[in-house]
Amino acid sequence: MTIVAWHRECLFGEVVEGEMKLTKFGLVARQQWQKLPKRFPNIELGAFVVMPNHMHGIIMIIDGRGTADNPNDHNGESCPRAPTHEQFQKPVKGSIPTIVCSYKSAVSYRINLMRGTKGVPLWQRNYYEHVIRDEKDLQNKTDYIKANPILWDEDDENPMKSV
């Protein structure tokens, strides 16, 4: 998944010679991502990177499908697409939207505390997600995440990208 900073502000660091150098805010973003499996024991983390104004990460669901439990769908059997019955201010335990919301909230809270900017948005609304379906797709996404700092000059999220 990809989560983007509010107005694409480069809060988390800078890329120097193809390597990401995190600021204290970037360290918070990295630390909170790494803590997710302790808060959500149904997940493991794959490759991830905190970039100057966004982050990419792979979340692997190890128990369940990452969606709401629904006893009425296919007699408990997994299905290709299961609806998550997420509603505003009604999180569904262990779902991808709840995990992302929790991450964004934890990072926002800590960084706003550090900056003395209570309640100021840190992240853009929503996030981009892609369901990884096989090993080849996993390898492609992992390679993309690992190469992201090297490719920063051409990244669409880079506000200084050469036109």
Protein backbone atom coordinates (compact mmCIF):
# COMPACT_ATOMS: atom_id res chain seq x y z
CA MET A 1 0.00 0.00 0.00
CA THR A 2 0.95 3.63 -0.39
CA ILE A 3 0.08 6.37 2.08
CA VAL A 4 0.79 9.99 1.11
CA ALA A 5 1.54 13.00 3.34
CA TRP A 6 -0.84 15.96 3.44
CA HIS A 7 -0.24 18.19 0.41
CA ARG A 8 2.72 15.92 -0.38
CA GLU A 9 4.80 17.80 2.18
CA CYS A 10 8.29 16.32 2.50
CA LEU A 11 8.28 15.80 6.28
CA PHE A 12 9.89 12.43 6.58
CA GLY A 13 13.34 13.06 5.15
CA GLU A 14 15.20 13.38 1.91
CA VAL A 15 16.82 11.12 -0.63
CA VAL A 16 20.57 11.61 -0.83
CA GLU A 17 22.46 9.70 -3.52
CA GLY A 18 19.69 7.12 -3.81
CA GLU A 19 19.40 6.52 -0.08
CA MET A 20 16.58 7.68 2.19
CA LYS A 21 17.75 9.85 5.11
CA LEU A 22 14.95 10.04 7.68
CA THR A 23 14.16 13.09 9.79
CA LYS A 24 12.87 12.64 13.33
CA PHE A 25 9.37 12.56 11.81
CA GLY A 26 10.44 9.87 9.35
CA LEU A 27 11.81 7.84 12.25
CA VAL A 28 8.38 8.06 13.91
CA ALA A 29 6.69 6.88 10.70
CA ARG A 30 9.11 3.94 10.41
CA GLN A 31 8.82 3.01 14.09
CA GLN A 32 5.02 3.03 14.05
CA TRP A 33 4.95 0.85 10.92
CA GLN A 34 7.27 -1.66 12.58
CA LYS A 35 4.99 -1.77 15.65
CA LEU A 36 1.89 -2.77 13.65
CA PRO A 37 2.29 -6.56 14.14
CA LYS A 38 2.27 -6.09 17.92
CA ARG A 39 -1.00 -4.17 17.66
CA PHE A 40 -2.46 -6.50 15.03
CA PRO A 41 -1.24 -10.08 15.58
CA ASN A 42 -3.01 -11.23 12.40
CA ILE A 43 -0.41 -9.52 10.18
CA GLU A 44 3.23 -9.69 9.19
CA LEU A 45 5.11 -6.93 7.42
CA GLY A 46 6.85 -7.33 4.10
CA ALA A 47 9.07 -4.77 2.43
CA PHE A 48 8.44 -1.13 3.31
CA VAL A 49 10.06 2.24 2.87
CA VAL A 50 9.37 5.68 4.29
CA MET A 51 9.98 8.26 1.57
CA PRO A 52 10.14 12.08 1.92
CA ASN A 53 6.37 12.54 1.55
CA HIS A 54 4.85 9.07 1.43
CA MET A 55 5.40 5.50 2.47
CA HIS A 56 5.04 2.14 0.78
CA GLY A 57 4.53 -1.09 2.67
CA ILE A 58 3.38 -4.66 2.29
CA ILE A 59 1.05 -6.08 4.90
CA MET A 60 0.58 -9.85 4.87
CA ILE A 61 -2.58 -11.18 6.48
CA ILE A 62 -1.63 -14.39 8.28
CA ASP A 63 -4.99 -15.01 9.94
CA GLY A 64 -8.12 -14.18 8.01
CA ARG A 65 -8.52 -12.17 4.83
CA GLY A 66 -7.99 -8.61 6.07
CA THR A 67 -11.69 -7.93 5.81
CA ALA A 68 -14.61 -8.04 8.18
CA ASP A 69 -15.69 -11.40 9.50
CA ASN A 70 -18.96 -12.30 7.85
CA PRO A 71 -20.44 -15.66 8.85
CA ASN A 72 -22.94 -15.44 5.99
CA ASP A 73 -20.38 -15.49 3.17
CA HIS A 74 -19.71 -18.87 1.59
CA ASN A 75 -20.18 -20.83 4.83
CA GLY A 76 -16.95 -19.52 6.27
CA GLU A 77 -14.92 -20.45 3.19
CA SER A 78 -12.67 -17.81 1.72
CA CYS A 79 -13.85 -16.09 -1.42
CA PRO A 80 -12.05 -13.89 -3.98
CA ARG A 81 -13.58 -10.68 -2.69
CA ALA A 82 -15.12 -10.23 0.72
CA PRO A 83 -16.82 -6.98 1.59
CA THR A 84 -15.61 -5.12 4.64
CA HIS A 85 -18.47 -3.57 6.49
CA GLU A 86 -16.42 -0.58 7.60
CA GLN A 87 -18.43 2.44 8.59
CA PHE A 88 -17.29 5.87 9.70
CA GLN A 89 -16.11 5.64 13.32
CA LYS A 90 -16.96 1.93 13.45
CA PRO A 91 -13.68 0.10 12.84
CA VAL A 92 -13.65 -3.61 12.09
CA LYS A 93 -11.00 -5.35 14.15
CA GLY A 94 -8.05 -6.59 12.07
CA SER A 95 -9.24 -5.19 8.74
CA ILE A 96 -6.88 -3.39 6.36
CA PRO A 97 -8.77 -0.08 6.71
CA THR A 98 -8.53 -0.33 10.50
CA ILE A 99 -4.81 -1.14 10.37
CA VAL A 100 -4.10 1.80 8.06
CA CYS A 101 -6.25 4.16 10.12
CA SER A 102 -4.45 3.05 13.27
CA TYR A 103 -1.04 3.63 11.66
CA LYS A 104 -1.96 7.05 10.32
CA SER A 105 -3.44 8.06 13.66
CA ALA A 106 -0.42 6.92 15.69
CA VAL A 107 2.04 8.73 13.41
CA SER A 108 -0.11 11.89 13.27
CA TYR A 109 -0.53 12.01 17.04
CA ARG A 110 3.20 11.68 17.75
CA ILE A 111 4.38 14.09 15.06
CA ASN A 112 1.76 16.70 15.95
CA LEU A 113 2.82 16.39 19.59
CA MET A 114 6.46 16.94 18.56
CA ARG A 115 5.53 19.94 16.39
CA GLY A 116 3.00 21.39 18.80
CA THR A 117 0.36 21.27 16.04
CA LYS A 118 -2.53 19.38 17.65
CA GLY A 119 -5.12 18.26 15.12
CA VAL A 120 -3.24 19.38 11.99
CA PRO A 121 -3.61 16.84 9.15
CA LEU A 122 -0.50 14.81 8.43
CA TRP A 123 -1.82 12.38 5.82
CA GLN A 124 -3.96 12.69 2.74
CA ARG A 125 -7.33 11.05 2.94
CA ASN A 126 -7.44 7.35 2.07
CA TYR A 127 -4.55 5.30 0.70
CA TYR A 128 -3.68 3.23 -2.34
CA GLU A 129 -3.85 -0.53 -1.97
CA HIS A 130 -3.07 -3.42 -4.24
CA VAL A 131 -3.91 -7.03 -3.43
CA ILE A 132 -0.90 -9.24 -4.13
CA ARG A 133 -2.14 -12.44 -5.72
CA ASP A 134 0.99 -14.53 -6.33
CA GLU A 135 4.74 -14.83 -5.76
CA LYS A 136 5.64 -12.96 -8.96
CA ASP A 137 3.46 -10.01 -7.95
CA LEU A 138 4.98 -10.06 -4.45
CA GLN A 139 8.49 -9.99 -5.93
CA ASN A 140 7.59 -7.12 -8.27
CA LYS A 141 6.13 -5.03 -5.42
CA THR A 142 9.07 -5.84 -3.14
CA ASP A 143 11.56 -4.81 -5.85
CA TYR A 144 9.61 -1.58 -6.46
CA ILE A 145 9.62 -0.69 -2.75
CA LYS A 146 13.33 -1.40 -2.36
CA ALA A 147 14.19 0.63 -5.48
CA ASN A 148 11.98 3.60 -4.55
CA PRO A 149 14.76 5.79 -3.08
CA ILE A 150 16.98 5.18 -6.12
CA LEU A 151 14.10 6.16 -8.44
CA TRP A 152 13.05 9.24 -6.42
CA ASP A 153 14.05 11.70 -9.13
CA GLU A 154 11.39 10.16 -11.41
CA ASP A 155 8.76 9.48 -8.72
CA ASP A 156 5.34 11.07 -9.31
CA GLU A 157 5.22 11.93 -5.58
CA ASN A 158 8.46 13.95 -5.85
CA PRO A 159 7.54 17.65 -5.93
CA MET A 160 10.94 18.40 -7.52
CA LYS A 161 10.52 15.79 -10.26
CA SER A 162 12.01 16.82 -13.58
CA VAL A 163 9.22 17.61 -16.00
